[in-house]
Amino acid sequence: MTSTHAVAAGAAEFVERFERAWSQSSASALIELLTDDVVLKQPTIPDVVGKAAAHEAFARIFGAFPDLKATVHRWAAQEEDLVFVEFTLHGEFGGRQLSWPAVDRFFLRDGLVAERVTYADGGQLFLEILKRPRGWRRFAASGLRPRLK
């Protein structure tokens, strides 16, 4: 059994790496947090499986939002492999700042993300995008496509 102190230290180190990666607005920085067989689940775009596919997905996101960054508000850990991070994503879109809150649930393996589930209101985000026609061309060119259910 892992001590509470060790769980907190490992989670804190992961959250610091998460913050540093997002501060770079870079797909390459973010995939350094992932296992080769990672699974990424999010409400607005199709699920992503594997590190190469994750790099492509993050590259599309940064194509639409080149300066996208995350501000971490709080986090919690359970055991040594489960971390929750509450944060706000923010960046410029269509000539104005855009931001939205999210919570990520991470299952870690050897300190890397094996699975991430994002909880966010993707519908509200896409409504904000629709209100900013100056950004539509960049969004279309990014290749991001909403998941249709």
N, C-alpha and C. Protein backbone atom coordinates (compact mmCIF):
# COMPACT_ATOMS: atom_id res chain seq x y z
N MET A 1 0.84 -1.18 0.00
CA MET A 1 0.00 0.00 0.00
C MET A 1 0.89 1.25 0.00
N THR A 2 0.53 2.19 -0.81
CA THR A 2 1.29 3.43 -0.93
C THR A 2 0.84 4.43 0.13
N SER A 3 1.78 5.16 0.70
CA SER A 3 1.43 6.13 1.72
C SER A 3 0.71 7.33 1.09
N THR A 4 -0.08 8.01 1.90
CA THR A 4 -0.79 9.20 1.44
C THR A 4 0.18 10.26 0.97
N HIS A 5 1.31 10.38 1.65
CA HIS A 5 2.33 11.36 1.27
C HIS A 5 2.90 11.05 -0.11
N ALA A 6 3.18 9.77 -0.37
CA ALA A 6 3.74 9.38 -1.67
C ALA A 6 2.73 9.61 -2.79
N VAL A 7 1.44 9.32 -2.52
CA VAL A 7 0.40 9.56 -3.52
C VAL A 7 0.34 11.04 -3.85
N ALA A 8 0.31 11.89 -2.83
CA ALA A 8 0.24 13.33 -3.03
C ALA A 8 1.46 13.85 -3.76
N ALA A 9 2.64 13.36 -3.44
CA ALA A 9 3.87 13.82 -4.09
C ALA A 9 3.87 13.43 -5.57
N GLY A 10 3.47 12.20 -5.88
CA GLY A 10 3.42 11.76 -7.26
C GLY A 10 2.39 12.53 -8.07
N ALA A 11 1.23 12.78 -7.46
CA ALA A 11 0.18 13.55 -8.14
C ALA A 11 0.61 14.99 -8.34
N ALA A 12 1.23 15.59 -7.34
CA ALA A 12 1.69 16.97 -7.46
C ALA A 12 2.72 17.10 -8.58
N GLU A 13 3.61 16.13 -8.69
CA GLU A 13 4.62 16.16 -9.76
C GLU A 13 3.94 16.04 -11.12
N PHE A 14 2.93 15.17 -11.24
CA PHE A 14 2.21 15.04 -12.50
C PHE A 14 1.49 16.35 -12.86
N VAL A 15 0.82 16.96 -11.89
CA VAL A 15 0.10 18.21 -12.15
C VAL A 15 1.07 19.31 -12.58
N GLU A 16 2.24 19.37 -11.98
CA GLU A 16 3.25 20.35 -12.40
C GLU A 16 3.66 20.12 -13.85
N ARG A 17 3.85 18.85 -14.24
CA ARG A 17 4.20 18.55 -15.64
C ARG A 17 3.05 18.91 -16.58
N PHE A 18 1.81 18.67 -16.15
CA PHE A 18 0.61 19.04 -16.90
C PHE A 18 0.59 20.55 -17.15
N GLU A 19 0.81 21.32 -16.09
CA GLU A 19 0.83 22.79 -16.22
C GLU A 19 1.94 23.26 -17.15
N ARG A 20 3.13 22.70 -17.00
CA ARG A 20 4.26 23.09 -17.86
C ARG A 20 3.97 22.77 -19.32
N ALA A 21 3.41 21.60 -19.57
CA ALA A 21 3.11 21.21 -20.95
C ALA A 21 2.09 22.17 -21.57
N TRP A 22 1.03 22.48 -20.85
CA TRP A 22 0.03 23.39 -21.39
C TRP A 22 0.58 24.81 -21.56
N SER A 23 1.53 25.21 -20.75
CA SER A 23 2.09 26.56 -20.86
C SER A 23 2.85 26.75 -22.17
N GLN A 24 3.21 25.65 -22.83
CA GLN A 24 3.96 25.73 -24.09
C GLN A 24 3.06 25.80 -25.32
N SER A 25 1.75 25.58 -25.16
CA SER A 25 0.82 25.57 -26.30
C SER A 25 1.37 24.70 -27.42
N SER A 26 1.73 23.47 -27.09
CA SER A 26 2.42 22.59 -28.03
C SER A 26 1.92 21.16 -27.92
N ALA A 27 1.56 20.59 -29.08
CA ALA A 27 1.15 19.18 -29.11
C ALA A 27 2.30 18.29 -28.64
N SER A 28 3.51 18.59 -29.05
CA SER A 28 4.67 17.78 -28.68
C SER A 28 4.89 17.77 -27.17
N ALA A 29 4.68 18.91 -26.51
CA ALA A 29 4.84 18.96 -25.06
C ALA A 29 3.77 18.12 -24.37
N LEU A 30 2.55 18.17 -24.86
CA LEU A 30 1.47 17.42 -24.22
C LEU A 30 1.62 15.92 -24.37
N ILE A 31 2.09 15.45 -25.53
CA ILE A 31 2.18 14.00 -25.70
C ILE A 31 3.29 13.38 -24.87
N GLU A 32 4.20 14.20 -24.35
CA GLU A 32 5.23 13.67 -23.45
C GLU A 32 4.62 13.16 -22.15
N LEU A 33 3.38 13.53 -21.87
CA LEU A 33 2.69 13.08 -20.67
C LEU A 33 2.00 11.73 -20.86
N LEU A 34 1.99 11.19 -22.08
CA LEU A 34 1.14 10.06 -22.44
C LEU A 34 1.88 8.75 -22.64
N THR A 35 1.19 7.64 -22.34
CA THR A 35 1.70 6.32 -22.70
C THR A 35 1.49 6.11 -24.20
N ASP A 36 2.17 5.14 -24.79
CA ASP A 36 2.01 4.87 -26.22
C ASP A 36 0.60 4.44 -26.58
N ASP A 37 -0.09 3.76 -25.65
CA ASP A 37 -1.43 3.23 -25.92
C ASP A 37 -2.53 4.06 -25.25
N VAL A 38 -2.28 5.32 -25.03
CA VAL A 38 -3.21 6.20 -24.33
C VAL A 38 -4.59 6.21 -25.00
N VAL A 39 -5.61 6.43 -24.16
CA VAL A 39 -6.97 6.64 -24.64
C VAL A 39 -7.43 7.99 -24.10
N LEU A 40 -7.85 8.89 -25.01
CA LEU A 40 -8.33 10.22 -24.63
C LEU A 40 -9.80 10.32 -24.99
N LYS A 41 -10.63 10.64 -23.99
CA LYS A 41 -12.07 10.77 -24.21
C LYS A 41 -12.48 12.18 -23.83
N GLN A 42 -13.26 12.81 -24.72
CA GLN A 42 -13.71 14.16 -24.52
C GLN A 42 -15.09 14.33 -25.14
N PRO A 43 -15.86 15.32 -24.64
CA PRO A 43 -17.25 15.41 -25.08
C PRO A 43 -17.46 15.96 -26.48
N THR A 44 -16.52 16.68 -27.04
CA THR A 44 -16.80 17.40 -28.29
C THR A 44 -16.15 16.82 -29.54
N ILE A 45 -15.12 16.01 -29.37
CA ILE A 45 -14.46 15.41 -30.53
C ILE A 45 -14.35 13.91 -30.30
N PRO A 46 -14.19 13.13 -31.37
CA PRO A 46 -14.12 11.68 -31.19
C PRO A 46 -12.99 11.25 -30.26
N ASP A 47 -13.17 10.09 -29.64
CA ASP A 47 -12.13 9.53 -28.79
C ASP A 47 -10.86 9.32 -29.60
N VAL A 48 -9.73 9.40 -28.92
CA VAL A 48 -8.42 9.27 -29.55
C VAL A 48 -7.70 8.11 -28.87
N VAL A 49 -7.09 7.23 -29.67
CA VAL A 49 -6.37 6.08 -29.13
C VAL A 49 -4.96 6.09 -29.70
N GLY A 50 -3.97 6.06 -28.83
CA GLY A 50 -2.56 6.01 -29.23
C GLY A 50 -1.90 7.37 -29.24
N LYS A 51 -0.60 7.35 -29.00
CA LYS A 51 0.19 8.58 -28.88
C LYS A 51 0.25 9.36 -30.19
N ALA A 52 0.39 8.65 -31.32
CA ALA A 52 0.45 9.34 -32.62
C ALA A 52 -0.87 10.04 -32.91
N ALA A 53 -1.98 9.36 -32.65
CA ALA A 53 -3.29 9.97 -32.87
C ALA A 53 -3.51 11.15 -31.91
N ALA A 54 -3.00 11.03 -30.69
CA ALA A 54 -3.10 12.12 -29.73
C ALA A 54 -2.33 13.34 -30.22
N HIS A 55 -1.15 13.12 -30.78
CA HIS A 55 -0.38 14.24 -31.32
C HIS A 55 -1.16 14.94 -32.42
N GLU A 56 -1.77 14.17 -33.32
CA GLU A 56 -2.57 14.76 -34.39
C GLU A 56 -3.75 15.55 -33.83
N ALA A 57 -4.43 15.00 -32.83
CA ALA A 57 -5.58 15.68 -32.24
C ALA A 57 -5.16 16.99 -31.57
N PHE A 58 -4.07 16.96 -30.80
CA PHE A 58 -3.59 18.19 -30.16
C PHE A 58 -3.12 19.20 -31.21
N ALA A 59 -2.51 18.74 -32.28
CA ALA A 59 -2.07 19.65 -33.35
C ALA A 59 -3.29 20.35 -33.97
N ARG A 60 -4.39 19.63 -34.15
CA ARG A 60 -5.61 20.26 -34.68
C ARG A 60 -6.15 21.29 -33.69
N ILE A 61 -6.13 20.96 -32.41
CA ILE A 61 -6.61 21.92 -31.40
C ILE A 61 -5.77 23.18 -31.44
N PHE A 62 -4.44 23.04 -31.48
CA PHE A 62 -3.58 24.22 -31.52
C PHE A 62 -3.65 24.93 -32.87
N GLY A 63 -4.08 24.21 -33.92
CA GLY A 63 -4.34 24.87 -35.20
C GLY A 63 -5.50 25.84 -35.10
N ALA A 64 -6.50 25.48 -34.32
CA ALA A 64 -7.67 26.34 -34.12
C ALA A 64 -7.42 27.41 -33.05
N PHE A 65 -6.64 27.06 -32.03
CA PHE A 65 -6.37 27.94 -30.89
C PHE A 65 -4.86 27.96 -30.63
N PRO A 66 -4.08 28.68 -31.44
CA PRO A 66 -2.61 28.58 -31.36
C PRO A 66 -2.00 28.93 -30.00
N ASP A 67 -2.64 29.81 -29.26
CA ASP A 67 -2.07 30.23 -27.97
C ASP A 67 -2.81 29.61 -26.79
N LEU A 68 -3.49 28.50 -27.00
CA LEU A 68 -4.29 27.87 -25.95
C LEU A 68 -3.41 27.45 -24.78
N LYS A 69 -3.85 27.82 -23.59
CA LYS A 69 -3.13 27.47 -22.36
C LYS A 69 -4.15 27.01 -21.33
N ALA A 70 -3.66 26.37 -20.28
CA ALA A 70 -4.52 25.91 -19.19
C ALA A 70 -4.07 26.54 -17.88
N THR A 71 -5.03 26.97 -17.09
CA THR A 71 -4.77 27.45 -15.74
C THR A 71 -5.39 26.45 -14.77
N VAL A 72 -4.56 25.81 -13.97
CA VAL A 72 -5.03 24.82 -13.01
C VAL A 72 -5.53 25.53 -11.76
N HIS A 73 -6.72 25.12 -11.32
CA HIS A 73 -7.32 25.71 -10.12
C HIS A 73 -7.12 24.82 -8.90
N ARG A 74 -7.33 23.52 -9.09
CA ARG A 74 -7.15 22.58 -7.99
C ARG A 74 -7.05 21.17 -8.56
N TRP A 75 -6.59 20.27 -7.73
CA TRP A 75 -6.47 18.88 -8.15
C TRP A 75 -6.66 17.98 -6.94
N ALA A 76 -6.93 16.72 -7.21
CA ALA A 76 -7.07 15.72 -6.15
C ALA A 76 -6.57 14.39 -6.69
N ALA A 77 -6.06 13.56 -5.79
CA ALA A 77 -5.55 12.25 -6.18
C ALA A 77 -6.18 11.18 -5.30
N GLN A 78 -6.36 10.02 -5.91
CA GLN A 78 -6.85 8.86 -5.17
C GLN A 78 -5.96 7.70 -5.58
N GLU A 79 -5.42 7.02 -4.60
CA GLU A 79 -4.42 5.98 -4.87
C GLU A 79 -3.26 6.62 -5.63
N GLU A 80 -2.45 5.81 -6.29
CA GLU A 80 -1.30 6.39 -6.99
C GLU A 80 -1.53 6.54 -8.47
N ASP A 81 -2.70 6.09 -8.96
CA ASP A 81 -2.90 6.11 -10.41
C ASP A 81 -4.12 6.90 -10.87
N LEU A 82 -4.79 7.61 -9.98
CA LEU A 82 -5.98 8.36 -10.34
C LEU A 82 -5.85 9.81 -9.88
N VAL A 83 -5.87 10.74 -10.85
CA VAL A 83 -5.71 12.17 -10.55
C VAL A 83 -6.82 12.94 -11.26
N PHE A 84 -7.43 13.86 -10.54
CA PHE A 84 -8.42 14.76 -11.12
C PHE A 84 -7.81 16.16 -11.12
N VAL A 85 -7.95 16.88 -12.26
CA VAL A 85 -7.43 18.24 -12.36
C VAL A 85 -8.56 19.14 -12.86
N GLU A 86 -8.85 20.18 -12.09
CA GLU A 86 -9.83 21.20 -12.49
C GLU A 86 -9.05 22.38 -13.03
N PHE A 87 -9.42 22.84 -14.23
CA PHE A 87 -8.66 23.90 -14.88
C PHE A 87 -9.54 24.69 -15.83
N THR A 88 -9.02 25.79 -16.34
CA THR A 88 -9.67 26.58 -17.37
C THR A 88 -8.74 26.67 -18.56
N LEU A 89 -9.27 26.37 -19.74
CA LEU A 89 -8.53 26.56 -20.99
C LEU A 89 -8.85 27.96 -21.50
N HIS A 90 -7.85 28.65 -22.02
CA HIS A 90 -8.07 30.01 -22.52
C HIS A 90 -7.12 30.33 -23.65
N GLY A 91 -7.63 31.10 -24.59
CA GLY A 91 -6.82 31.53 -25.72
C GLY A 91 -7.65 32.46 -26.59
N GLU A 92 -7.02 32.99 -27.62
CA GLU A 92 -7.69 33.91 -28.53
C GLU A 92 -8.39 33.12 -29.62
N PHE A 93 -9.59 33.58 -29.97
CA PHE A 93 -10.31 33.00 -31.11
C PHE A 93 -11.18 34.09 -31.73
N GLY A 94 -11.02 34.30 -33.01
CA GLY A 94 -11.82 35.30 -33.70
C GLY A 94 -11.61 36.70 -33.18
N GLY A 95 -10.40 37.00 -32.73
CA GLY A 95 -10.07 38.35 -32.28
C GLY A 95 -10.44 38.66 -30.83
N ARG A 96 -10.96 37.67 -30.12
CA ARG A 96 -11.34 37.88 -28.71
C ARG A 96 -10.88 36.69 -27.88
N GLN A 97 -10.73 36.93 -26.59
CA GLN A 97 -10.38 35.84 -25.69
C GLN A 97 -11.57 34.89 -25.53
N LEU A 98 -11.25 33.63 -25.44
CA LEU A 98 -12.24 32.58 -25.24
C LEU A 98 -11.72 31.69 -24.12
N SER A 99 -12.60 31.30 -23.22
CA SER A 99 -12.17 30.40 -22.15
C SER A 99 -13.31 29.46 -21.79
N TRP A 100 -12.94 28.30 -21.27
CA TRP A 100 -13.96 27.35 -20.81
C TRP A 100 -13.36 26.46 -19.74
N PRO A 101 -14.18 26.14 -18.75
CA PRO A 101 -13.71 25.29 -17.65
C PRO A 101 -13.78 23.81 -18.03
N ALA A 102 -12.95 23.02 -17.40
CA ALA A 102 -12.93 21.58 -17.62
C ALA A 102 -12.38 20.87 -16.39
N VAL A 103 -12.68 19.60 -16.32
CA VAL A 103 -12.07 18.71 -15.33
C VAL A 103 -11.59 17.49 -16.09
N ASP A 104 -10.34 17.12 -15.88
CA ASP A 104 -9.79 15.91 -16.48
C ASP A 104 -9.61 14.86 -15.39
N ARG A 105 -10.01 13.63 -15.72
CA ARG A 105 -9.74 12.48 -14.85
C ARG A 105 -8.67 11.66 -15.54
N PHE A 106 -7.54 11.51 -14.87
CA PHE A 106 -6.40 10.79 -15.43
C PHE A 106 -6.20 9.46 -14.72
N PHE A 107 -6.03 8.40 -15.49
CA PHE A 107 -5.52 7.13 -14.97
C PHE A 107 -4.07 7.05 -15.41
N LEU A 108 -3.17 6.98 -14.45
CA LEU A 108 -1.75 7.00 -14.74
C LEU A 108 -1.16 5.59 -14.68
N ARG A 109 -0.14 5.40 -15.50
CA ARG A 109 0.67 4.18 -15.46
C ARG A 109 2.12 4.64 -15.49
N ASP A 110 2.84 4.34 -14.43
CA ASP A 110 4.25 4.75 -14.32
C ASP A 110 4.41 6.26 -14.52
N GLY A 111 3.46 7.04 -13.98
CA GLY A 111 3.55 8.49 -14.04
C GLY A 111 3.09 9.11 -15.34
N LEU A 112 2.66 8.28 -16.30
CA LEU A 112 2.18 8.79 -17.59
C LEU A 112 0.68 8.50 -17.73
N VAL A 113 0.02 9.27 -18.56
CA VAL A 113 -1.42 9.14 -18.76
C VAL A 113 -1.72 7.93 -19.64
N ALA A 114 -2.44 6.95 -19.07
CA ALA A 114 -2.91 5.80 -19.84
C ALA A 114 -4.33 6.07 -20.36
N GLU A 115 -5.10 6.83 -19.58
CA GLU A 115 -6.45 7.23 -20.02
C GLU A 115 -6.76 8.59 -19.43
N ARG A 116 -7.40 9.44 -20.26
CA ARG A 116 -7.88 10.74 -19.80
C ARG A 116 -9.32 10.90 -20.24
N VAL A 117 -10.17 11.27 -19.30
CA VAL A 117 -11.55 11.60 -19.62
C VAL A 117 -11.74 13.06 -19.25
N THR A 118 -12.20 13.86 -20.23
CA THR A 118 -12.44 15.28 -20.00
C THR A 118 -13.93 15.51 -19.78
N TYR A 119 -14.22 16.31 -18.77
CA TYR A 119 -15.59 16.73 -18.49
C TYR A 119 -15.65 18.23 -18.73
N ALA A 120 -16.40 18.64 -19.77
CA ALA A 120 -16.53 20.05 -20.12
C ALA A 120 -17.81 20.22 -20.93
N ASP A 121 -18.28 21.45 -21.05
CA ASP A 121 -19.48 21.75 -21.83
C ASP A 121 -19.06 22.12 -23.25
N GLY A 122 -18.91 21.10 -24.10
CA GLY A 122 -18.49 21.32 -25.47
C GLY A 122 -19.52 22.08 -26.28
N GLY A 123 -20.79 21.90 -25.97
CA GLY A 123 -21.84 22.62 -26.69
C GLY A 123 -21.70 24.13 -26.52
N GLN A 124 -21.45 24.57 -25.29
CA GLN A 124 -21.27 26.00 -25.04
C GLN A 124 -20.04 26.53 -25.76
N LEU A 125 -18.97 25.75 -25.80
CA LEU A 125 -17.77 26.16 -26.50
C LEU A 125 -18.06 26.38 -27.99
N PHE A 126 -18.75 25.43 -28.62
CA PHE A 126 -19.04 25.59 -30.04
C PHE A 126 -20.00 26.73 -30.31
N LEU A 127 -20.91 27.04 -29.39
CA LEU A 127 -21.76 28.22 -29.56
C LEU A 127 -20.91 29.50 -29.55
N GLU A 128 -19.92 29.55 -28.66
CA GLU A 128 -19.03 30.72 -28.62
C GLU A 128 -18.21 30.83 -29.91
N ILE A 129 -17.79 29.70 -30.45
CA ILE A 129 -17.06 29.71 -31.72
C ILE A 129 -17.95 30.24 -32.84
N LEU A 130 -19.20 29.83 -32.86
CA LEU A 130 -20.14 30.28 -33.89
C LEU A 130 -20.37 31.78 -33.84
N LYS A 131 -20.23 32.38 -32.67
CA LYS A 131 -20.43 33.83 -32.51
C LYS A 131 -19.24 34.65 -33.01
N ARG A 132 -18.17 33.99 -33.45
CA ARG A 132 -16.93 34.68 -33.82
C ARG A 132 -16.52 34.32 -35.24
N PRO A 133 -17.22 34.85 -36.24
CA PRO A 133 -16.93 34.47 -37.63
C PRO A 133 -15.50 34.77 -38.08
N ARG A 134 -14.84 35.72 -37.44
CA ARG A 134 -13.44 36.00 -37.82
C ARG A 134 -12.54 34.79 -37.61
N GLY A 135 -12.92 33.88 -36.73
CA GLY A 135 -12.10 32.71 -36.46
C GLY A 135 -12.50 31.47 -37.23
N TRP A 136 -13.60 31.51 -37.99
CA TRP A 136 -14.11 30.32 -38.66
C TRP A 136 -13.12 29.71 -39.64
N ARG A 137 -12.44 30.54 -40.41
CA ARG A 137 -11.50 30.01 -41.41
C ARG A 137 -10.38 29.21 -40.73
N ARG A 138 -9.83 29.78 -39.66
CA ARG A 138 -8.77 29.09 -38.93
C ARG A 138 -9.29 27.80 -38.32
N PHE A 139 -10.51 27.85 -37.79
CA PHE A 139 -11.11 26.65 -37.20
C PHE A 139 -11.30 25.57 -38.26
N ALA A 140 -11.83 25.94 -39.42
CA ALA A 140 -12.04 24.97 -40.51
C ALA A 140 -10.72 24.39 -40.98
N ALA A 141 -9.70 25.22 -41.08
CA ALA A 141 -8.38 24.76 -41.55
C ALA A 141 -7.71 23.83 -40.54
N SER A 142 -8.09 23.92 -39.26
CA SER A 142 -7.47 23.10 -38.22
C SER A 142 -7.83 21.62 -38.36
N GLY A 143 -8.96 21.33 -38.98
CA GLY A 143 -9.40 19.95 -39.09
C GLY A 143 -10.21 19.46 -37.90
N LEU A 144 -10.43 20.33 -36.91
CA LEU A 144 -11.27 19.93 -35.77
C LEU A 144 -12.70 19.74 -36.26
N ARG A 145 -13.30 18.65 -35.86
CA ARG A 145 -14.68 18.37 -36.23
C ARG A 145 -15.43 17.90 -34.99
N PRO A 146 -16.58 18.53 -34.71
CA PRO A 146 -17.35 18.07 -33.55
C PRO A 146 -17.87 16.66 -33.75
N ARG A 147 -17.97 15.95 -32.66
CA ARG A 147 -18.53 14.60 -32.70
C ARG A 147 -20.04 14.73 -32.78
N LEU A 148 -20.61 14.06 -33.74
CA LEU A 148 -22.06 14.08 -33.92
C LEU A 148 -22.65 12.80 -33.34
N LYS A 149 -23.66 12.94 -32.53
CA LYS A 149 -24.30 11.76 -31.93
C LYS A 149 -25.71 11.65 -32.40
